Amino acid sequence: SPLKCAIREVLEEVGFDMKDRAFEDQYLERDLNGQLIRLYIVKQVPLDTKFAPKTKNEIK
């Protein structure tokens, strides 16, 4: 599902597990130059969360 893909990508790219905080029906969706973009709304992320990639060379 798109949500499972988003959960996996967020964990890989920023090291945050959002699986218990994201829901199938809570997102914003827009068409951007012919590409559908979906942003899931994730609530209750602790302010002291340290975001860092889990995969080497994922973010430069």
Foldseek 3Di string as FASTA:
>chain_A
DVVVVVQVVQCQAWVDRQPVFWDPPAWDWDQDPNDIDIGTDGPDDDPPDHTHHPDPPNDD
